[in-house]
Amino acid sequence: MAASWRFLRVKRLSASTKNPAATQAAITAPTGGATVDAEARAAINAIITRLEAYGLVADN
């Protein structure tokens, strides 16, 4: 039996041309707490900054 091939047309989504959802409320940077983890806070702040740059969350 010969192999059957199916070809699917796929649209590429790009963050620069299509926004998958409406812009969400701003996310505040982490503060307070009994233990301060500077590296974790820096990583979280970098993620927040990137989400803001892509327009997924509002700027602080």
Protein backbone atom coordinates (compact mmCIF):
# COMPACT_ATOMS: atom_id res chain seq x y z
CA MET A 1 0.00 0.00 0.00
CA ALA A 2 1.42 3.40 -0.98
CA ALA A 3 2.03 6.06 1.66
CA SER A 4 -0.44 8.91 1.80
CA TRP A 5 0.82 12.41 2.49
CA ARG A 6 -1.13 15.30 3.92
CA PHE A 7 0.04 18.86 3.72
CA LEU A 8 -1.29 21.42 6.14
CA ARG A 9 -1.14 25.14 5.67
CA VAL A 10 -0.04 26.78 8.91
CA LYS A 11 -0.12 30.47 9.69
CA ARG A 12 2.79 31.76 11.70
CA LEU A 13 1.92 33.99 14.65
CA SER A 14 4.39 36.66 15.54
CA ALA A 15 4.33 38.80 18.67
CA SER A 16 5.28 41.79 16.57
CA THR A 17 2.27 41.56 14.24
CA LYS A 18 -0.51 39.90 16.24
CA ASN A 19 -1.42 40.29 19.87
CA PRO A 20 -2.91 37.02 21.18
CA ALA A 21 -4.87 38.81 23.90
CA ALA A 22 -5.74 42.26 25.08
CA THR A 23 -3.09 44.01 27.17
CA GLN A 24 -3.42 42.90 30.77
CA ALA A 25 -2.98 45.00 33.92
CA ALA A 26 0.52 45.95 35.03
CA ILE A 27 2.51 43.51 37.16
CA THR A 28 4.29 45.06 40.13
CA ALA A 29 7.88 44.19 40.88
CA PRO A 30 8.47 41.88 43.87
CA THR A 31 9.03 43.62 47.19
CA GLY A 32 9.09 42.70 50.88
CA GLY A 33 9.23 39.21 52.32
CA ALA A 34 11.32 37.60 55.02
CA THR A 35 14.00 36.41 52.58
CA VAL A 36 15.32 38.69 49.86
CA ASP A 37 16.68 36.83 46.84
CA ALA A 38 18.30 39.47 44.64
CA GLU A 39 18.92 37.11 41.71
CA ALA A 40 15.31 35.92 41.66
CA ARG A 41 14.00 39.46 41.83
CA ALA A 42 16.28 40.50 38.97
CA ALA A 43 15.02 37.59 36.86
CA ILE A 44 11.38 38.38 37.67
CA ASN A 45 11.93 42.05 36.80
CA ALA A 46 13.52 41.03 33.48
CA ILE A 47 10.46 38.89 32.66
CA ILE A 48 8.10 41.74 33.55
CA THR A 49 10.10 44.14 31.37
CA ARG A 50 9.94 41.73 28.42
CA LEU A 51 6.17 41.23 28.83
CA GLU A 52 5.77 45.02 28.83
CA ALA A 53 7.95 45.35 25.72
CA TYR A 54 5.75 42.86 23.83
CA GLY A 55 2.61 44.70 24.96
CA LEU A 56 1.22 41.72 26.86
CA VAL A 57 1.01 43.66 30.14
CA ALA A 58 0.70 47.38 30.80
CA ASP A 59 3.79 49.38 31.76
CA ASN A 60 4.35 50.17 35.44
